[in-house]
């Protein structure tokens, strides 16, 4: 049974056990509950990476999970909150990886993806790389932090509108509006 098929309450209870240090094995028990979804997220990210990317799905999941386990001060609110933090961790890992591996400025290969394949912003054959997206998201966050968070949750963690609204504590219509506006803003930034 994948964690998406598990009751959200089971995962949320595992997160609370972990947050409250109620059980010594809480982190290990939680991993069993969420591993399939983390693996799915990691696979989705890596499919968007350039051909020949050397980081493997399982390695990305394990590295992200190790970072998550190191988050001692986080009070996990829900499974959506956990997946949002996991998505942020995976994004940071991929950005760090991109900064140190295979980049032109370090003598590597500059191999970009079509934007439409990486960020469902219908645009034709415009290439960008993950670093460009990260830089654009950072600029967006400086202007409109909520919009940047919506992109991070929708794109990097794969949350739907309802889950994103739950994590951010705002209405679904606001999520939809911010998503549309952020996609348009990113389209402009990445095509200039």
C-alpha atoms as a PDB file:
ATOM      1  CA  UNK A   1       0.000   0.000   0.000  1.00  0.00           C
ATOM      2  CA  UNK A   2       1.468   3.379  -0.955  1.00  0.00           C
ATOM      3  CA  UNK A   3       1.332   6.197   1.540  1.00  0.00           C
ATOM      4  CA  UNK A   4      -1.167   8.070  -0.694  1.00  0.00           C
ATOM      5  CA  UNK A   5      -3.520   5.114  -0.111  1.00  0.00           C
ATOM      6  CA  UNK A   6      -2.896   5.151   3.646  1.00  0.00           C
ATOM      7  CA  UNK A   7      -5.165   7.263   5.759  1.00  0.00           C
ATOM      8  CA  UNK A   8      -3.644  10.723   6.174  1.00  0.00           C
ATOM      9  CA  UNK A   9      -4.243  10.327   9.900  1.00  0.00           C
ATOM     10  CA  UNK A  10      -1.829   7.368  10.079  1.00  0.00           C
ATOM     11  CA  UNK A  11       0.982   9.416   8.566  1.00  0.00           C
ATOM     12  CA  UNK A  12       0.068  12.500  10.607  1.00  0.00           C
ATOM     13  CA  UNK A  13       0.102  10.409  13.800  1.00  0.00           C
ATOM     14  CA  UNK A  14       3.540   9.055  12.842  1.00  0.00           C
ATOM     15  CA  UNK A  15       4.763  12.601  12.270  1.00  0.00           C
ATOM     16  CA  UNK A  16       3.444  13.687  15.674  1.00  0.00           C
ATOM     17  CA  UNK A  17       5.095  10.701  17.358  1.00  0.00           C
ATOM     18  CA  UNK A  18       8.332  11.742  15.729  1.00  0.00           C
ATOM     19  CA  UNK A  19       7.933  15.448  16.586  1.00  0.00           C
ATOM     20  CA  UNK A  20       7.053  14.704  20.193  1.00  0.00           C
ATOM     21  CA  UNK A  21       9.757  12.023  20.575  1.00  0.00           C
ATOM     22  CA  UNK A  22       7.067   9.671  21.850  1.00  0.00           C
ATOM     23  CA  UNK A  23       8.738   6.640  20.309  1.00  0.00           C
ATOM     24  CA  UNK A  24      12.414   5.910  19.747  1.00  0.00           C
ATOM     25  CA  UNK A  25      11.627   4.193  16.446  1.00  0.00           C
ATOM     26  CA  UNK A  26       9.230   6.920  15.211  1.00  0.00           C
ATOM     27  CA  UNK A  27      11.528   8.115  12.394  1.00  0.00           C
ATOM     28  CA  UNK A  28      12.050   4.556  11.143  1.00  0.00           C
ATOM     29  CA  UNK A  29       8.328   3.779  11.360  1.00  0.00           C
ATOM     30  CA  UNK A  30       7.553   6.996   9.496  1.00  0.00           C
ATOM     31  CA  UNK A  31       9.994   6.129   6.717  1.00  0.00           C
ATOM     32  CA  UNK A  32       8.055   2.932   6.073  1.00  0.00           C
ATOM     33  CA  UNK A  33       4.860   4.968   5.763  1.00  0.00           C
ATOM     34  CA  UNK A  34       6.192   7.669   3.435  1.00  0.00           C
ATOM     35  CA  UNK A  35       8.963   5.971   1.453  1.00  0.00           C
ATOM     36  CA  UNK A  36       6.886   5.196  -1.648  1.00  0.00           C
ATOM     37  CA  UNK A  37       5.679   8.808  -1.958  1.00  0.00           C
ATOM     38  CA  UNK A  38       9.165  10.231  -1.377  1.00  0.00           C
ATOM     39  CA  UNK A  39      10.480   7.860  -4.035  1.00  0.00           C
ATOM     40  CA  UNK A  40       7.745   9.001  -6.440  1.00  0.00           C
ATOM     41  CA  UNK A  41       8.608  12.657  -5.811  1.00  0.00           C
ATOM     42  CA  UNK A  42      12.325  12.037  -6.275  1.00  0.00           C
ATOM     43  CA  UNK A  43      11.709  10.091  -9.480  1.00  0.00           C
ATOM     44  CA  UNK A  44       9.557  12.936 -10.790  1.00  0.00           C
ATOM     45  CA  UNK A  45      12.296  15.483 -10.098  1.00  0.00           C
ATOM     46  CA  UNK A  46      14.991  13.393 -11.684  1.00  0.00           C
ATOM     47  CA  UNK A  47      12.902  12.840 -14.814  1.00  0.00           C
ATOM     48  CA  UNK A  48      13.031  16.603 -15.259  1.00  0.00           C
ATOM     49  CA  UNK A  49      16.801  16.676 -14.978  1.00  0.00           C
ATOM     50  CA  UNK A  50      19.127  16.515 -17.940  1.00  0.00           C
ATOM     51  CA  UNK A  51      19.870  13.208 -19.614  1.00  0.00           C
ATOM     52  CA  UNK A  52      22.764  11.426 -17.970  1.00  0.00           C
ATOM     53  CA  UNK A  53      22.152  12.897 -14.514  1.00  0.00           C
ATOM     54  CA  UNK A  54      24.190  10.725 -12.163  1.00  0.00           C
ATOM     55  CA  UNK A  55      22.164  11.175  -8.982  1.00  0.00           C
ATOM     56  CA  UNK A  56      19.833   8.217  -8.590  1.00  0.00           C
ATOM     57  CA  UNK A  57      16.279   8.295  -7.245  1.00  0.00           C
ATOM     58  CA  UNK A  58      17.042   6.175  -4.196  1.00  0.00           C
ATOM     59  CA  UNK A  59      20.098   8.286  -3.337  1.00  0.00           C
ATOM     60  CA  UNK A  60      17.993  11.471  -3.549  1.00  0.00           C
ATOM     61  CA  UNK A  61      15.317   9.941  -1.288  1.00  0.00           C
ATOM     62  CA  UNK A  62      17.888   8.817   1.265  1.00  0.00           C
ATOM     63  CA  UNK A  63      19.753  12.121   1.273  1.00  0.00           C
ATOM     64  CA  UNK A  64      16.499  14.060   1.678  1.00  0.00           C
ATOM     65  CA  UNK A  65      15.328  11.728   4.429  1.00  0.00           C
ATOM     66  CA  UNK A  66      18.603  12.134   6.327  1.00  0.00           C
ATOM     67  CA  UNK A  67      18.120  15.904   6.179  1.00  0.00           C
ATOM     68  CA  UNK A  68      14.515  15.533   7.331  1.00  0.00           C
ATOM     69  CA  UNK A  69      15.505  13.343  10.267  1.00  0.00           C
ATOM     70  CA  UNK A  70      17.983  16.065  11.233  1.00  0.00           C
ATOM     71  CA  UNK A  71      15.118  18.574  11.573  1.00  0.00           C
ATOM     72  CA  UNK A  72      14.690  18.292  15.336  1.00  0.00           C
ATOM     73  CA  UNK A  73      12.788  21.524  15.871  1.00  0.00           C
ATOM     74  CA  UNK A  74      10.070  21.016  13.248  1.00  0.00           C
ATOM     75  CA  UNK A  75       6.559  20.387  14.533  1.00  0.00           C
ATOM     76  CA  UNK A  76       4.958  18.346  11.775  1.00  0.00           C
ATOM     77  CA  UNK A  77       1.410  19.549  11.170  1.00  0.00           C
ATOM     78  CA  UNK A  78       0.262  17.056   8.552  1.00  0.00           C
ATOM     79  CA  UNK A  79       1.419  14.740   5.826  1.00  0.00           C
ATOM     80  CA  UNK A  80       1.151  17.611   3.310  1.00  0.00           C
ATOM     81  CA  UNK A  81       3.411  19.730   5.516  1.00  0.00           C
ATOM     82  CA  UNK A  82       5.943  16.878   5.657  1.00  0.00           C
ATOM     83  CA  UNK A  83       5.910  16.402   1.866  1.00  0.00           C
ATOM     84  CA  UNK A  84       6.301  20.143   1.369  1.00  0.00           C
ATOM     85  CA  UNK A  85       9.418  20.162   3.567  1.00  0.00           C
ATOM     86  CA  UNK A  86      10.657  17.025   1.780  1.00  0.00           C
ATOM     87  CA  UNK A  87      10.189  18.771  -1.563  1.00  0.00           C
ATOM     88  CA  UNK A  88      12.205  21.735  -0.340  1.00  0.00           C
ATOM     89  CA  UNK A  89      14.971  19.389   0.802  1.00  0.00           C
ATOM     90  CA  UNK A  90      15.017  17.613  -2.563  1.00  0.00           C
ATOM     91  CA  UNK A  91      15.093  20.932  -4.379  1.00  0.00           C
ATOM     92  CA  UNK A  92      18.071  22.081  -2.293  1.00  0.00           C
ATOM     93  CA  UNK A  93      19.898  18.803  -2.869  1.00  0.00           C
ATOM     94  CA  UNK A  94      19.359  19.028  -6.639  1.00  0.00           C
ATOM     95  CA  UNK A  95      20.418  22.684  -6.686  1.00  0.00           C
ATOM     96  CA  UNK A  96      23.565  21.896  -4.703  1.00  0.00           C
ATOM     97  CA  UNK A  97      24.257  18.989  -7.018  1.00  0.00           C
ATOM     98  CA  UNK A  98      23.774  21.175 -10.098  1.00  0.00           C
ATOM     99  CA  UNK A  99      26.110  23.806  -8.659  1.00  0.00           C
ATOM    100  CA  UNK A 100      28.918  21.316  -8.162  1.00  0.00           C
ATOM    101  CA  UNK A 101      28.473  18.957 -11.094  1.00  0.00           C
ATOM    102  CA  UNK A 102      28.403  19.287 -14.856  1.00  0.00           C
ATOM    103  CA  UNK A 103      27.998  23.045 -15.125  1.00  0.00           C
ATOM    104  CA  UNK A 104      29.698  25.141 -17.802  1.00  0.00           C
ATOM    105  CA  UNK A 105      31.425  27.432 -15.329  1.00  0.00           C
ATOM    106  CA  UNK A 106      33.063  24.382 -13.762  1.00  0.00           C
ATOM    107  CA  UNK A 107      33.973  22.791 -17.042  1.00  0.00           C
ATOM    108  CA  UNK A 108      30.950  20.503 -17.216  1.00  0.00           C
ATOM    109  CA  UNK A 109      28.301  20.033 -19.827  1.00  0.00           C
ATOM    110  CA  UNK A 110      25.537  22.609 -20.166  1.00  0.00           C
ATOM    111  CA  UNK A 111      22.521  20.454 -20.945  1.00  0.00           C
ATOM    112  CA  UNK A 112      19.182  22.134 -20.388  1.00  0.00           C
ATOM    113  CA  UNK A 113      15.579  20.983 -20.580  1.00  0.00           C
ATOM    114  CA  UNK A 114      12.631  22.394 -22.386  1.00  0.00           C
ATOM    115  CA  UNK A 115      10.729  24.509 -19.897  1.00  0.00           C
ATOM    116  CA  UNK A 116       7.448  22.842 -20.837  1.00  0.00           C
ATOM    117  CA  UNK A 117       8.885  19.493 -19.716  1.00  0.00           C
ATOM    118  CA  UNK A 118      10.024  20.813 -16.385  1.00  0.00           C
ATOM    119  CA  UNK A 119       7.416  23.271 -15.181  1.00  0.00           C
ATOM    120  CA  UNK A 120       4.077  22.855 -16.923  1.00  0.00           C
ATOM    121  CA  UNK A 121       4.168  26.461 -18.099  1.00  0.00           C
ATOM    122  CA  UNK A 122       2.996  26.018 -21.672  1.00  0.00           C
ATOM    123  CA  UNK A 123       5.763  27.617 -23.587  1.00  0.00           C
ATOM    124  CA  UNK A 124       7.430  26.439 -26.735  1.00  0.00           C
ATOM    125  CA  UNK A 125      10.933  25.079 -26.870  1.00  0.00           C
ATOM    126  CA  UNK A 126      12.412  27.505 -24.376  1.00  0.00           C
ATOM    127  CA  UNK A 127      15.351  25.943 -22.600  1.00  0.00           C
ATOM    128  CA  UNK A 128      16.402  26.574 -19.040  1.00  0.00           C
ATOM    129  CA  UNK A 129      18.234  24.761 -16.322  1.00  0.00           C
ATOM    130  CA  UNK A 130      17.436  23.990 -12.720  1.00  0.00           C
ATOM    131  CA  UNK A 131      19.787  26.715 -11.526  1.00  0.00           C
ATOM    132  CA  UNK A 132      17.937  29.273 -13.655  1.00  0.00           C
ATOM    133  CA  UNK A 133      14.634  28.114 -12.186  1.00  0.00           C
ATOM    134  CA  UNK A 134      16.040  28.296  -8.671  1.00  0.00           C
ATOM    135  CA  UNK A 135      17.382  31.812  -9.270  1.00  0.00           C
ATOM    136  CA  UNK A 136      14.036  32.898 -10.749  1.00  0.00           C
ATOM    137  CA  UNK A 137      12.154  31.403  -7.785  1.00  0.00           C
ATOM    138  CA  UNK A 138      14.462  33.242  -5.392  1.00  0.00           C
ATOM    139  CA  UNK A 139      13.728  36.527  -7.210  1.00  0.00           C
ATOM    140  CA  UNK A 140      10.015  35.746  -7.099  1.00  0.00           C
ATOM    141  CA  UNK A 141      10.256  34.969  -3.368  1.00  0.00           C
ATOM    142  CA  UNK A 142      11.847  38.371  -2.761  1.00  0.00           C
ATOM    143  CA  UNK A 143       8.841  40.044  -4.430  1.00  0.00           C
ATOM    144  CA  UNK A 144       5.990  37.622  -3.729  1.00  0.00           C
ATOM    145  CA  UNK A 145       6.947  35.028  -1.116  1.00  0.00           C
ATOM    146  CA  UNK A 146       3.546  33.338  -1.154  1.00  0.00           C
ATOM    147  CA  UNK A 147       3.607  32.841  -4.937  1.00  0.00           C
ATOM    148  CA  UNK A 148       7.081  31.322  -4.740  1.00  0.00           C
ATOM    149  CA  UNK A 149       5.898  28.971  -1.996  1.00  0.00           C
ATOM    150  CA  UNK A 150       2.931  27.922  -4.139  1.00  0.00           C
ATOM    151  CA  UNK A 151       5.306  27.055  -7.009  1.00  0.00           C
ATOM    152  CA  UNK A 152       7.568  25.138  -4.669  1.00  0.00           C
ATOM    153  CA  UNK A 153       4.682  23.140  -3.226  1.00  0.00           C
ATOM    154  CA  UNK A 154       2.903  22.503  -6.521  1.00  0.00           C
ATOM    155  CA  UNK A 155       5.953  21.864  -8.700  1.00  0.00           C
ATOM    156  CA  UNK A 156       8.600  20.454  -6.397  1.00  0.00           C
ATOM    157  CA  UNK A 157       6.401  18.490  -4.027  1.00  0.00           C
ATOM    158  CA  UNK A 158       3.603  17.686  -6.445  1.00  0.00           C
ATOM    159  CA  UNK A 159       0.880  18.850  -4.065  1.00  0.00           C
ATOM    160  CA  UNK A 160      -2.492  19.565  -5.609  1.00  0.00           C
ATOM    161  CA  UNK A 161      -4.468  22.774  -5.063  1.00  0.00           C
ATOM    162  CA  UNK A 162      -6.297  21.437  -1.994  1.00  0.00           C
ATOM    163  CA  UNK A 163      -3.104  20.172  -0.315  1.00  0.00           C
ATOM    164  CA  UNK A 164      -1.240  23.395  -1.098  1.00  0.00           C
ATOM    165  CA  UNK A 165      -4.086  25.434   0.390  1.00  0.00           C
ATOM    166  CA  UNK A 166      -3.989  23.240   3.502  1.00  0.00           C
ATOM    167  CA  UNK A 167      -0.233  23.667   3.969  1.00  0.00           C
ATOM    168  CA  UNK A 168      -0.306  27.439   3.448  1.00  0.00           C
ATOM    169  CA  UNK A 169      -3.591  27.992   5.275  1.00  0.00           C
ATOM    170  CA  UNK A 170      -5.149  30.002   2.436  1.00  0.00           C
ATOM    171  CA  UNK A 171      -8.069  29.462   0.087  1.00  0.00           C
ATOM    172  CA  UNK A 172      -7.986  27.233  -2.959  1.00  0.00           C
ATOM    173  CA  UNK A 173      -8.956  30.160  -5.182  1.00  0.00           C
ATOM    174  CA  UNK A 174      -5.930  32.095  -3.907  1.00  0.00           C
ATOM    175  CA  UNK A 175      -3.708  29.099  -4.687  1.00  0.00           C
ATOM    176  CA  UNK A 176      -5.102  28.908  -8.225  1.00  0.00           C
ATOM    177  CA  UNK A 177      -4.601  32.635  -8.775  1.00  0.00           C
ATOM    178  CA  UNK A 178      -1.064  32.619  -7.356  1.00  0.00           C
ATOM    179  CA  UNK A 179      -0.182  29.537  -9.433  1.00  0.00           C
ATOM    180  CA  UNK A 180      -1.351  31.219 -12.657  1.00  0.00           C
ATOM    181  CA  UNK A 181       0.441  34.467 -11.856  1.00  0.00           C
ATOM    182  CA  UNK A 182       3.651  32.722 -10.770  1.00  0.00           C
ATOM    183  CA  UNK A 183       3.738  30.620 -13.955  1.00  0.00           C
ATOM    184  CA  UNK A 184       3.339  33.742 -16.072  1.00  0.00           C
ATOM    185  CA  UNK A 185       6.038  35.554 -14.106  1.00  0.00           C
ATOM    186  CA  UNK A 186       8.430  32.589 -14.388  1.00  0.00           C
ATOM    187  CA  UNK A 187       7.708  32.247 -18.101  1.00  0.00           C
ATOM    188  CA  UNK A 188       8.750  35.856 -18.587  1.00  0.00           C
ATOM    189  CA  UNK A 189      11.837  35.551 -16.380  1.00  0.00           C
ATOM    190  CA  UNK A 190      13.074  32.336 -17.966  1.00  0.00           C
ATOM    191  CA  UNK A 191      12.581  33.477 -21.548  1.00  0.00           C
ATOM    192  CA  UNK A 192      14.324  36.848 -21.337  1.00  0.00           C
END
